[in-house]
Amino acid sequence: NLRWSDVPTELENSFNHLIQLNNVQKIKKINVDVEICS
């Protein structure tokens, strides 16, 4: 039920969401690494 003009926005939103998830996982991994090292 999307208009064509909505598609880029939808793609951008999901892409941004993926980037945020990825960043959160990186941060979690860094925290785990720090705990292991300390």
Protein backbone atom coordinates (compact mmCIF):
# COMPACT_ATOMS: atom_id res chain seq x y z
CA ASN A 1 0.00 0.00 0.00
CA LEU A 2 2.98 2.26 -0.54
CA ARG A 3 3.15 5.01 -3.06
CA TRP A 4 6.28 5.00 -5.12
CA SER A 5 7.46 8.19 -3.44
CA ASP A 6 7.31 6.39 -0.09
CA VAL A 7 9.65 3.63 -1.13
CA PRO A 8 12.97 5.49 -0.77
CA THR A 9 11.94 6.65 2.68
CA GLU A 10 11.01 3.13 3.70
CA LEU A 11 14.33 1.86 2.42
CA GLU A 12 16.22 4.59 4.21
CA ASN A 13 14.38 3.87 7.43
CA SER A 14 15.11 0.17 7.36
CA PHE A 15 18.69 0.86 6.35
CA ASN A 16 19.15 3.29 9.22
CA HIS A 17 17.58 0.76 11.54
CA LEU A 18 20.08 -1.87 10.41
CA ILE A 19 22.96 0.54 10.94
CA GLN A 20 21.75 1.31 14.45
CA LEU A 21 21.42 -2.38 15.26
CA ASN A 22 24.87 -3.00 13.91
CA ASN A 23 26.32 -0.18 15.99
CA VAL A 24 24.62 -1.46 19.13
CA GLN A 25 26.09 -4.90 18.55
CA LYS A 26 29.54 -3.43 17.98
CA ILE A 27 29.26 -1.48 21.22
CA LYS A 28 28.16 -4.62 23.07
CA LYS A 29 31.05 -6.55 21.61
CA ILE A 30 33.51 -3.83 22.64
CA ASN A 31 32.11 -3.93 26.17
CA VAL A 32 32.50 -7.69 26.30
CA ASP A 33 36.06 -7.43 24.98
CA VAL A 34 36.89 -4.86 27.64
CA GLU A 35 35.45 -7.07 30.38
CA ILE A 36 37.44 -10.05 29.16
CA CYS A 37 40.66 -8.04 29.00
CA SER A 38 40.32 -6.44 32.38
